[in-house]
Amino acid sequence: MSNAAKAVLEGGPDDLPERIVPITTPGADLKIELRNGYEHFRPTGRQADSPQGRLPVYEWWERTEMPG
């Protein structure tokens, strides 16, 4: 198993390619690029069991569109 920090994503679009993603700054908001925009996730303070161990849960809170 990798030592890289990861999180479980909850909510947001059904077509997100991954629900377990790497995080660079634990506790900071995440921004996932998808379909000419970004899906934004915030940490919840909760944890979930996953195939990769117990991970922090981030929940979806908004989408922003890319310019152009």
N, C-alpha and C. Protein backbone atom coordinates (compact mmCIF):
# COMPACT_ATOMS: atom_id res chain seq x y z
N MET A 1 0.85 -1.18 0.00
CA MET A 1 0.00 0.00 0.00
C MET A 1 0.89 1.24 0.00
N SER A 2 0.47 2.26 -0.73
CA SER A 2 1.23 3.50 -0.85
C SER A 2 1.15 4.32 0.44
N ASN A 3 2.19 5.10 0.72
CA ASN A 3 2.19 5.98 1.88
C ASN A 3 1.58 7.33 1.57
N ALA A 4 1.21 7.57 0.31
CA ALA A 4 0.60 8.85 -0.08
C ALA A 4 -0.75 9.01 0.61
N ALA A 5 -1.04 10.23 1.06
CA ALA A 5 -2.32 10.51 1.69
C ALA A 5 -3.42 10.43 0.65
N LYS A 6 -4.55 9.84 1.05
CA LYS A 6 -5.69 9.68 0.15
C LYS A 6 -6.95 10.02 0.90
N ALA A 7 -8.04 10.23 0.14
CA ALA A 7 -9.34 10.54 0.72
C ALA A 7 -10.43 9.85 -0.07
N VAL A 8 -11.58 9.65 0.58
CA VAL A 8 -12.78 9.10 -0.05
C VAL A 8 -13.68 10.28 -0.40
N LEU A 9 -14.15 10.33 -1.66
CA LEU A 9 -15.06 11.39 -2.10
C LEU A 9 -16.50 10.93 -1.96
N GLU A 10 -17.32 11.81 -1.42
CA GLU A 10 -18.73 11.51 -1.19
C GLU A 10 -19.58 12.58 -1.89
N GLY A 11 -20.60 12.16 -2.61
CA GLY A 11 -21.47 13.10 -3.31
C GLY A 11 -20.86 13.51 -4.63
N GLY A 12 -21.44 14.54 -5.24
CA GLY A 12 -20.98 15.02 -6.52
C GLY A 12 -21.50 14.17 -7.66
N PRO A 13 -20.97 14.37 -8.87
CA PRO A 13 -21.45 13.66 -10.05
C PRO A 13 -21.24 12.15 -9.95
N ASP A 14 -22.17 11.41 -10.53
CA ASP A 14 -22.06 9.94 -10.53
C ASP A 14 -20.92 9.46 -11.42
N ASP A 15 -20.49 10.29 -12.38
CA ASP A 15 -19.47 9.83 -13.33
C ASP A 15 -18.04 10.24 -12.95
N LEU A 16 -17.81 10.55 -11.67
CA LEU A 16 -16.43 10.80 -11.25
C LEU A 16 -15.61 9.55 -11.53
N PRO A 17 -14.42 9.68 -12.13
CA PRO A 17 -13.64 8.49 -12.47
C PRO A 17 -13.13 7.72 -11.25
N GLU A 18 -12.89 8.41 -10.14
CA GLU A 18 -12.36 7.76 -8.93
C GLU A 18 -13.09 8.30 -7.71
N ARG A 19 -13.30 7.45 -6.73
CA ARG A 19 -13.88 7.87 -5.45
C ARG A 19 -12.84 7.87 -4.33
N ILE A 20 -11.67 7.29 -4.60
CA ILE A 20 -10.53 7.37 -3.68
C ILE A 20 -9.43 8.11 -4.44
N VAL A 21 -9.04 9.27 -3.91
CA VAL A 21 -8.10 10.14 -4.63
C VAL A 21 -6.94 10.56 -3.72
N PRO A 22 -5.78 10.86 -4.32
CA PRO A 22 -4.67 11.38 -3.52
C PRO A 22 -4.96 12.79 -3.05
N ILE A 23 -4.46 13.15 -1.88
CA ILE A 23 -4.57 14.52 -1.38
C ILE A 23 -3.16 15.02 -1.08
N THR A 24 -2.91 16.28 -1.41
CA THR A 24 -1.57 16.83 -1.18
C THR A 24 -1.48 17.54 0.16
N THR A 25 -2.58 18.17 0.58
CA THR A 25 -2.59 18.87 1.86
C THR A 25 -3.79 18.38 2.67
N PRO A 26 -3.56 17.44 3.60
CA PRO A 26 -4.68 16.94 4.40
C PRO A 26 -5.43 18.08 5.10
N GLY A 27 -6.76 18.03 5.02
CA GLY A 27 -7.59 19.05 5.64
C GLY A 27 -7.94 20.22 4.75
N ALA A 28 -7.26 20.34 3.59
CA ALA A 28 -7.57 21.42 2.64
C ALA A 28 -8.63 20.95 1.65
N ASP A 29 -9.39 21.89 1.09
CA ASP A 29 -10.39 21.55 0.08
C ASP A 29 -9.71 20.89 -1.12
N LEU A 30 -10.48 20.04 -1.82
CA LEU A 30 -10.00 19.38 -3.04
C LEU A 30 -10.73 19.95 -4.24
N LYS A 31 -10.04 20.00 -5.38
CA LYS A 31 -10.63 20.47 -6.63
C LYS A 31 -10.31 19.41 -7.68
N ILE A 32 -11.36 18.75 -8.20
CA ILE A 32 -11.20 17.66 -9.16
C ILE A 32 -11.70 18.15 -10.52
N GLU A 33 -10.85 18.07 -11.54
CA GLU A 33 -11.24 18.50 -12.88
C GLU A 33 -12.15 17.45 -13.51
N LEU A 34 -13.28 17.91 -14.07
CA LEU A 34 -14.22 17.00 -14.72
C LEU A 34 -15.09 17.80 -15.69
N ARG A 35 -15.20 17.31 -16.93
CA ARG A 35 -16.10 17.89 -17.94
C ARG A 35 -16.05 19.42 -18.02
N ASN A 36 -14.90 19.97 -18.33
CA ASN A 36 -14.73 21.42 -18.51
C ASN A 36 -15.10 22.23 -17.27
N GLY A 37 -14.85 21.66 -16.11
CA GLY A 37 -15.10 22.37 -14.87
C GLY A 37 -14.37 21.69 -13.72
N TYR A 38 -14.68 22.13 -12.53
CA TYR A 38 -14.07 21.55 -11.33
C TYR A 38 -15.16 21.19 -10.34
N GLU A 39 -15.02 20.02 -9.74
CA GLU A 39 -15.88 19.58 -8.64
C GLU A 39 -15.10 19.86 -7.35
N HIS A 40 -15.73 20.54 -6.42
CA HIS A 40 -15.07 20.94 -5.18
C HIS A 40 -15.57 20.09 -4.02
N PHE A 41 -14.63 19.61 -3.23
CA PHE A 41 -14.93 18.77 -2.07
C PHE A 41 -14.28 19.36 -0.83
N ARG A 42 -14.99 19.25 0.31
CA ARG A 42 -14.48 19.75 1.59
C ARG A 42 -14.32 18.59 2.57
N PRO A 43 -13.33 18.67 3.46
CA PRO A 43 -13.17 17.63 4.48
C PRO A 43 -14.35 17.65 5.45
N THR A 44 -14.74 16.47 5.93
CA THR A 44 -15.90 16.37 6.82
C THR A 44 -15.52 16.13 8.27
N GLY A 45 -14.31 15.66 8.54
CA GLY A 45 -13.94 15.26 9.89
C GLY A 45 -14.29 13.80 10.16
N ARG A 46 -14.98 13.17 9.19
CA ARG A 46 -15.32 11.75 9.31
C ARG A 46 -14.28 10.91 8.59
N GLN A 47 -14.27 9.61 8.90
CA GLN A 47 -13.42 8.67 8.20
C GLN A 47 -14.28 7.50 7.73
N ALA A 48 -13.80 6.80 6.69
CA ALA A 48 -14.52 5.65 6.15
C ALA A 48 -13.54 4.52 5.89
N ASP A 49 -14.01 3.30 6.09
CA ASP A 49 -13.22 2.13 5.74
C ASP A 49 -13.26 1.97 4.22
N SER A 50 -12.12 1.69 3.63
CA SER A 50 -12.03 1.50 2.19
C SER A 50 -11.08 0.34 1.91
N PRO A 51 -11.02 -0.12 0.67
CA PRO A 51 -10.05 -1.16 0.33
C PRO A 51 -8.60 -0.73 0.61
N GLN A 52 -8.37 0.58 0.75
CA GLN A 52 -7.02 1.09 1.00
C GLN A 52 -6.83 1.51 2.46
N GLY A 53 -7.73 1.06 3.32
CA GLY A 53 -7.63 1.38 4.74
C GLY A 53 -8.62 2.46 5.14
N ARG A 54 -8.49 2.94 6.35
CA ARG A 54 -9.38 3.98 6.87
C ARG A 54 -8.89 5.34 6.35
N LEU A 55 -9.79 6.05 5.66
CA LEU A 55 -9.41 7.30 5.00
C LEU A 55 -10.37 8.42 5.39
N PRO A 56 -9.90 9.67 5.34
CA PRO A 56 -10.79 10.80 5.59
C PRO A 56 -11.83 10.92 4.48
N VAL A 57 -13.01 11.40 4.84
CA VAL A 57 -14.10 11.59 3.89
C VAL A 57 -14.21 13.07 3.53
N TYR A 58 -14.26 13.34 2.23
CA TYR A 58 -14.48 14.69 1.72
C TYR A 58 -15.82 14.68 1.00
N GLU A 59 -16.65 15.71 1.24
CA GLU A 59 -17.95 15.74 0.58
C GLU A 59 -18.03 16.87 -0.43
N TRP A 60 -18.78 16.60 -1.50
CA TRP A 60 -18.96 17.57 -2.58
C TRP A 60 -19.72 18.77 -2.07
N TRP A 61 -19.35 19.97 -2.52
CA TRP A 61 -20.10 21.16 -2.12
C TRP A 61 -20.39 22.12 -3.26
N GLU A 62 -19.64 22.07 -4.38
CA GLU A 62 -19.99 22.92 -5.51
C GLU A 62 -19.22 22.52 -6.76
N ARG A 63 -19.70 23.05 -7.88
CA ARG A 63 -19.03 22.90 -9.18
C ARG A 63 -18.76 24.28 -9.73
N THR A 64 -17.58 24.47 -10.33
CA THR A 64 -17.30 25.71 -11.04
C THR A 64 -16.91 25.35 -12.47
N GLU A 65 -17.24 26.22 -13.40
CA GLU A 65 -16.95 26.01 -14.82
C GLU A 65 -15.62 26.66 -15.18
N MET A 66 -14.89 26.03 -16.11
CA MET A 66 -13.67 26.63 -16.63
C MET A 66 -14.04 27.74 -17.61
N PRO A 67 -13.26 28.80 -17.65
CA PRO A 67 -13.54 29.87 -18.62
C PRO A 67 -13.39 29.36 -20.06
N GLY A 68 -14.14 29.93 -20.93
CA GLY A 68 -13.96 29.65 -22.35
C GLY A 68 -14.94 28.72 -22.88
